[in-house]
């Protein structure tokens, strides 16, 4: 599965103020999805939720 996904992977052109939180969630969520052979939609949701929660904790206002 990694070989199938790797050619289509793209990097992020820029990172937000909490890039380390986003990357940690990315690594954890996608790793679990890859091991389970499950779709990446839940991994993307987890990554977004972790990033948004951390930004709010840092005092950012999000719409």
PDB file of N, CA and C in Angstrom:
ATOM      1  N   UNK A   1       0.823  -1.191   0.000  1.00  0.00           N
ATOM      2  CA  UNK A   1       0.000   0.000   0.000  1.00  0.00           C
ATOM      3  C   UNK A   1       0.866   1.253   0.000  1.00  0.00           C
ATOM      4  N   UNK A   2       1.980   1.245   0.706  1.00  0.00           N
ATOM      5  CA  UNK A   2       2.855   2.420   0.744  1.00  0.00           C
ATOM      6  C   UNK A   2       3.348   2.744  -0.657  1.00  0.00           C
ATOM      7  N   UNK A   3       3.709   1.738  -1.406  1.00  0.00           N
ATOM      8  CA  UNK A   3       4.187   1.972  -2.771  1.00  0.00           C
ATOM      9  C   UNK A   3       3.105   2.573  -3.643  1.00  0.00           C
ATOM     10  N   UNK A   4       1.868   2.217  -3.392  1.00  0.00           N
ATOM     11  CA  UNK A   4       0.765   2.779  -4.170  1.00  0.00           C
ATOM     12  C   UNK A   4       0.521   4.237  -3.809  1.00  0.00           C
ATOM     13  N   UNK A   5       0.650   4.580  -2.551  1.00  0.00           N
ATOM     14  CA  UNK A   5       0.362   5.940  -2.093  1.00  0.00           C
ATOM     15  C   UNK A   5       1.519   6.902  -2.349  1.00  0.00           C
ATOM     16  N   UNK A   6       2.743   6.429  -2.244  1.00  0.00           N
ATOM     17  CA  UNK A   6       3.914   7.306  -2.325  1.00  0.00           C
ATOM     18  C   UNK A   6       3.997   8.137  -3.600  1.00  0.00           C
ATOM     19  N   UNK A   7       3.750   7.586  -4.789  1.00  0.00           N
ATOM     20  CA  UNK A   7       3.872   8.415  -5.988  1.00  0.00           C
ATOM     21  C   UNK A   7       2.887   9.584  -6.031  1.00  0.00           C
ATOM     22  N   UNK A   8       1.788   9.469  -5.309  1.00  0.00           N
ATOM     23  CA  UNK A   8       0.770  10.521  -5.309  1.00  0.00           C
ATOM     24  C   UNK A   8       0.895  11.487  -4.143  1.00  0.00           C
ATOM     25  N   UNK A   9       1.832  11.244  -3.248  1.00  0.00           N
ATOM     26  CA  UNK A   9       1.990  12.092  -2.067  1.00  0.00           C
ATOM     27  C   UNK A   9       2.589  13.436  -2.459  1.00  0.00           C
ATOM     28  N   UNK A  10       2.078  14.490  -1.844  1.00  0.00           N
ATOM     29  CA  UNK A  10       2.605  15.832  -2.079  1.00  0.00           C
ATOM     30  C   UNK A  10       2.982  16.446  -0.742  1.00  0.00           C
ATOM     31  N   UNK A  11       3.953  17.305  -0.766  1.00  0.00           N
ATOM     32  CA  UNK A  11       4.353  17.989   0.458  1.00  0.00           C
ATOM     33  C   UNK A  11       3.501  19.241   0.636  1.00  0.00           C
ATOM     34  N   UNK A  12       3.510  19.756   1.836  1.00  0.00           N
ATOM     35  CA  UNK A  12       2.794  20.983   2.130  1.00  0.00           C
ATOM     36  C   UNK A  12       3.693  22.170   1.782  1.00  0.00           C
ATOM     37  N   UNK A  13       3.192  23.174   1.048  1.00  0.00           N
ATOM     38  CA  UNK A  13       4.046  24.301   0.678  1.00  0.00           C
ATOM     39  C   UNK A  13       4.420  25.181   1.878  1.00  0.00           C
ATOM     40  N   UNK A  14       3.594  25.202   2.909  1.00  0.00           N
ATOM     41  CA  UNK A  14       3.908  25.985   4.096  1.00  0.00           C
ATOM     42  C   UNK A  14       3.207  25.366   5.301  1.00  0.00           C
ATOM     43  N   UNK A  15       3.731  25.651   6.470  1.00  0.00           N
ATOM     44  CA  UNK A  15       3.171  25.107   7.695  1.00  0.00           C
ATOM     45  C   UNK A  15       2.612  26.220   8.556  1.00  0.00           C
ATOM     46  N   UNK A  16       1.591  25.899   9.313  1.00  0.00           N
ATOM     47  CA  UNK A  16       1.010  26.854  10.231  1.00  0.00           C
ATOM     48  C   UNK A  16       1.851  26.969  11.491  1.00  0.00           C
ATOM     49  N   UNK A  17       1.349  27.712  12.468  1.00  0.00           N
ATOM     50  CA  UNK A  17       2.115  27.947  13.694  1.00  0.00           C
ATOM     51  C   UNK A  17       2.277  26.707  14.568  1.00  0.00           C
ATOM     52  N   UNK A  18       1.510  25.681  14.296  1.00  0.00           N
ATOM     53  CA  UNK A  18       1.619  24.460  15.104  1.00  0.00           C
ATOM     54  C   UNK A  18       1.924  23.259  14.208  1.00  0.00           C
ATOM     55  N   UNK A  19       2.856  23.435  13.318  1.00  0.00           N
ATOM     56  CA  UNK A  19       3.228  22.382  12.379  1.00  0.00           C
ATOM     57  C   UNK A  19       3.651  21.085  13.041  1.00  0.00           C
ATOM     58  N   UNK A  20       4.272  21.182  14.204  1.00  0.00           N
ATOM     59  CA  UNK A  20       4.708  19.954  14.877  1.00  0.00           C
ATOM     60  C   UNK A  20       3.515  19.125  15.349  1.00  0.00           C
ATOM     61  N   UNK A  21       2.457  19.790  15.792  1.00  0.00           N
ATOM     62  CA  UNK A  21       1.240  19.070  16.208  1.00  0.00           C
ATOM     63  C   UNK A  21       0.602  18.410  14.993  1.00  0.00           C
ATOM     64  N   UNK A  22       0.516  19.161  13.898  1.00  0.00           N
ATOM     65  CA  UNK A  22      -0.068  18.629  12.674  1.00  0.00           C
ATOM     66  C   UNK A  22       0.736  17.431  12.175  1.00  0.00           C
ATOM     67  N   UNK A  23       2.054  17.565  12.154  1.00  0.00           N
ATOM     68  CA  UNK A  23       2.887  16.476  11.653  1.00  0.00           C
ATOM     69  C   UNK A  23       2.805  15.255  12.556  1.00  0.00           C
ATOM     70  N   UNK A  24       2.788  15.453  13.864  1.00  0.00           N
ATOM     71  CA  UNK A  24       2.682  14.321  14.792  1.00  0.00           C
ATOM     72  C   UNK A  24       1.361  13.583  14.582  1.00  0.00           C
ATOM     73  N   UNK A  25       0.285  14.331  14.419  1.00  0.00           N
ATOM     74  CA  UNK A  25      -1.017  13.717  14.171  1.00  0.00           C
ATOM     75  C   UNK A  25      -1.029  13.001  12.822  1.00  0.00           C
ATOM     76  N   UNK A  26      -0.401  13.606  11.838  1.00  0.00           N
ATOM     77  CA  UNK A  26      -0.294  12.999  10.509  1.00  0.00           C
ATOM     78  C   UNK A  26       0.402  11.646  10.610  1.00  0.00           C
ATOM     79  N   UNK A  27       1.543  11.628  11.272  1.00  0.00           N
ATOM     80  CA  UNK A  27       2.327  10.402  11.400  1.00  0.00           C
ATOM     81  C   UNK A  27       1.537   9.316  12.124  1.00  0.00           C
ATOM     82  N   UNK A  28       0.907   9.691  13.222  1.00  0.00           N
ATOM     83  CA  UNK A  28       0.152   8.731  14.024  1.00  0.00           C
ATOM     84  C   UNK A  28      -1.091   8.230  13.283  1.00  0.00           C
ATOM     85  N   UNK A  29      -1.888   9.158  12.768  1.00  0.00           N
ATOM     86  CA  UNK A  29      -3.163   8.797  12.145  1.00  0.00           C
ATOM     87  C   UNK A  29      -2.978   7.998  10.858  1.00  0.00           C
ATOM     88  N   UNK A  30      -2.061   8.438  10.023  1.00  0.00           N
ATOM     89  CA  UNK A  30      -1.850   7.725   8.768  1.00  0.00           C
ATOM     90  C   UNK A  30      -1.146   6.389   9.000  1.00  0.00           C
ATOM     91  N   UNK A  31      -0.268   6.340   9.978  1.00  0.00           N
ATOM     92  CA  UNK A  31       0.368   5.071  10.318  1.00  0.00           C
ATOM     93  C   UNK A  31      -0.647   4.030  10.748  1.00  0.00           C
ATOM     94  N   UNK A  32      -1.586   4.440  11.598  1.00  0.00           N
ATOM     95  CA  UNK A  32      -2.640   3.526  12.042  1.00  0.00           C
ATOM     96  C   UNK A  32      -3.521   3.088  10.875  1.00  0.00           C
ATOM     97  N   UNK A  33      -3.857   4.025   9.997  1.00  0.00           N
ATOM     98  CA  UNK A  33      -4.690   3.690   8.837  1.00  0.00           C
ATOM     99  C   UNK A  33      -3.966   2.726   7.903  1.00  0.00           C
ATOM    100  N   UNK A  34      -2.681   2.952   7.708  1.00  0.00           N
ATOM    101  CA  UNK A  34      -1.906   2.061   6.837  1.00  0.00           C
ATOM    102  C   UNK A  34      -1.840   0.644   7.427  1.00  0.00           C
ATOM    103  N   UNK A  35      -1.612   0.557   8.729  1.00  0.00           N
ATOM    104  CA  UNK A  35      -1.523  -0.753   9.369  1.00  0.00           C
ATOM    105  C   UNK A  35      -2.856  -1.490   9.330  1.00  0.00           C
ATOM    106  N   UNK A  36      -3.942  -0.735   9.482  1.00  0.00           N
ATOM    107  CA  UNK A  36      -5.268  -1.351   9.494  1.00  0.00           C
ATOM    108  C   UNK A  36      -5.817  -1.565   8.084  1.00  0.00           C
ATOM    109  N   UNK A  37      -5.189  -0.939   7.097  1.00  0.00           N
ATOM    110  CA  UNK A  37      -5.699  -1.031   5.732  1.00  0.00           C
ATOM    111  C   UNK A  37      -7.013  -0.289   5.570  1.00  0.00           C
ATOM    112  N   UNK A  38      -7.205   0.732   6.390  1.00  0.00           N
ATOM    113  CA  UNK A  38      -8.459   1.485   6.360  1.00  0.00           C
ATOM    114  C   UNK A  38      -8.311   2.766   5.527  1.00  0.00           C
ATOM    115  N   UNK A  39      -9.436   3.355   5.122  1.00  0.00           N
ATOM    116  CA  UNK A  39      -9.382   4.585   4.328  1.00  0.00           C
ATOM    117  C   UNK A  39      -8.717   5.729   5.108  1.00  0.00           C
ATOM    118  N   UNK A  40      -8.212   6.676   4.379  1.00  0.00           N
ATOM    119  CA  UNK A  40      -7.516   7.804   4.997  1.00  0.00           C
ATOM    120  C   UNK A  40      -8.455   8.910   5.470  1.00  0.00           C
ATOM    121  N   UNK A  41      -9.737   8.799   5.206  1.00  0.00           N
ATOM    122  CA  UNK A  41     -10.648   9.874   5.604  1.00  0.00           C
ATOM    123  C   UNK A  41     -10.648  10.096   7.113  1.00  0.00           C
ATOM    124  N   UNK A  42     -10.635   9.029   7.890  1.00  0.00           N
ATOM    125  CA  UNK A  42     -10.602   9.174   9.350  1.00  0.00           C
ATOM    126  C   UNK A  42      -9.268   9.771   9.793  1.00  0.00           C
ATOM    127  N   UNK A  43      -8.184   9.414   9.107  1.00  0.00           N
ATOM    128  CA  UNK A  43      -6.872   9.976   9.441  1.00  0.00           C
ATOM    129  C   UNK A  43      -6.846  11.468   9.171  1.00  0.00           C
ATOM    130  N   UNK A  44      -7.435  11.889   8.066  1.00  0.00           N
ATOM    131  CA  UNK A  44      -7.493  13.320   7.749  1.00  0.00           C
ATOM    132  C   UNK A  44      -8.346  14.073   8.768  1.00  0.00           C
ATOM    133  N   UNK A  45      -9.470  13.474   9.165  1.00  0.00           N
ATOM    134  CA  UNK A  45     -10.313  14.097  10.189  1.00  0.00           C
ATOM    135  C   UNK A  45      -9.558  14.247  11.507  1.00  0.00           C
ATOM    136  N   UNK A  46      -8.843  13.213  11.910  1.00  0.00           N
ATOM    137  CA  UNK A  46      -8.076  13.258  13.160  1.00  0.00           C
ATOM    138  C   UNK A  46      -6.990  14.324  13.090  1.00  0.00           C
ATOM    139  N   UNK A  47      -6.335  14.412  11.954  1.00  0.00           N
ATOM    140  CA  UNK A  47      -5.275  15.403  11.763  1.00  0.00           C
ATOM    141  C   UNK A  47      -5.838  16.824  11.848  1.00  0.00           C
ATOM    142  N   UNK A  48      -6.965  17.050  11.188  1.00  0.00           N
ATOM    143  CA  UNK A  48      -7.592  18.368  11.236  1.00  0.00           C
ATOM    144  C   UNK A  48      -8.070  18.696  12.641  1.00  0.00           C
ATOM    145  N   UNK A  49      -8.703  17.742  13.304  1.00  0.00           N
ATOM    146  CA  UNK A  49      -9.211  17.978  14.660  1.00  0.00           C
ATOM    147  C   UNK A  49      -8.081  18.317  15.628  1.00  0.00           C
ATOM    148  N   UNK A  50      -6.978  17.605  15.540  1.00  0.00           N
ATOM    149  CA  UNK A  50      -5.837  17.874  16.426  1.00  0.00           C
ATOM    150  C   UNK A  50      -5.249  19.258  16.152  1.00  0.00           C
ATOM    151  N   UNK A  51      -5.145  19.618  14.890  1.00  0.00           N
ATOM    152  CA  UNK A  51      -4.581  20.914  14.517  1.00  0.00           C
ATOM    153  C   UNK A  51      -5.478  22.054  14.982  1.00  0.00           C
ATOM    154  N   UNK A  52      -6.775  21.937  14.722  1.00  0.00           N
ATOM    155  CA  UNK A  52      -7.725  22.984  15.113  1.00  0.00           C
ATOM    156  C   UNK A  52      -7.768  23.127  16.630  1.00  0.00           C
ATOM    157  N   UNK A  53      -7.816  22.011  17.348  1.00  0.00           N
ATOM    158  CA  UNK A  53      -7.856  22.074  18.816  1.00  0.00           C
ATOM    159  C   UNK A  53      -6.610  22.760  19.365  1.00  0.00           C
ATOM    160  N   UNK A  54      -5.455  22.449  18.801  1.00  0.00           N
ATOM    161  CA  UNK A  54      -4.222  23.069  19.278  1.00  0.00           C
ATOM    162  C   UNK A  54      -4.184  24.555  18.952  1.00  0.00           C
ATOM    163  N   UNK A  55      -4.657  24.929  17.776  1.00  0.00           N
ATOM    164  CA  UNK A  55      -4.672  26.356  17.422  1.00  0.00           C
ATOM    165  C   UNK A  55      -5.593  27.132  18.356  1.00  0.00           C
ATOM    166  N   UNK A  56      -6.738  26.557  18.691  1.00  0.00           N
ATOM    167  CA  UNK A  56      -7.644  27.220  19.645  1.00  0.00           C
ATOM    168  C   UNK A  56      -6.985  27.340  21.017  1.00  0.00           C
ATOM    169  N   UNK A  57      -6.281  26.289  21.424  1.00  0.00           N
ATOM    170  CA  UNK A  57      -5.567  26.305  22.710  1.00  0.00           C
ATOM    171  C   UNK A  57      -4.510  27.414  22.719  1.00  0.00           C
ATOM    172  N   UNK A  58      -3.907  27.671  21.569  1.00  0.00           N
ATOM    173  CA  UNK A  58      -2.893  28.718  21.450  1.00  0.00           C
ATOM    174  C   UNK A  58      -3.506  30.122  21.377  1.00  0.00           C
ATOM    175  N   UNK A  59      -4.840  30.192  21.277  1.00  0.00           N
ATOM    176  CA  UNK A  59      -5.521  31.481  21.271  1.00  0.00           C
ATOM    177  C   UNK A  59      -5.962  31.986  19.916  1.00  0.00           C
ATOM    178  N   UNK A  60      -5.824  31.174  18.879  1.00  0.00           N
ATOM    179  CA  UNK A  60      -6.273  31.586  17.557  1.00  0.00           C
ATOM    180  C   UNK A  60      -7.785  31.497  17.474  1.00  0.00           C
ATOM    181  N   UNK A  61      -8.395  32.420  16.755  1.00  0.00           N
ATOM    182  CA  UNK A  61      -9.820  32.381  16.477  1.00  0.00           C
ATOM    183  C   UNK A  61      -9.995  31.773  15.089  1.00  0.00           C
ATOM    184  N   UNK A  62     -10.762  30.720  15.001  1.00  0.00           N
ATOM    185  CA  UNK A  62     -10.977  30.021  13.730  1.00  0.00           C
ATOM    186  C   UNK A  62     -12.440  30.083  13.338  1.00  0.00           C
ATOM    187  N   UNK A  63     -12.681  30.213  12.071  1.00  0.00           N
ATOM    188  CA  UNK A  63     -14.067  30.247  11.577  1.00  0.00           C
ATOM    189  C   UNK A  63     -14.516  28.869  11.186  1.00  0.00           C
TER     190      UNK A  63
END
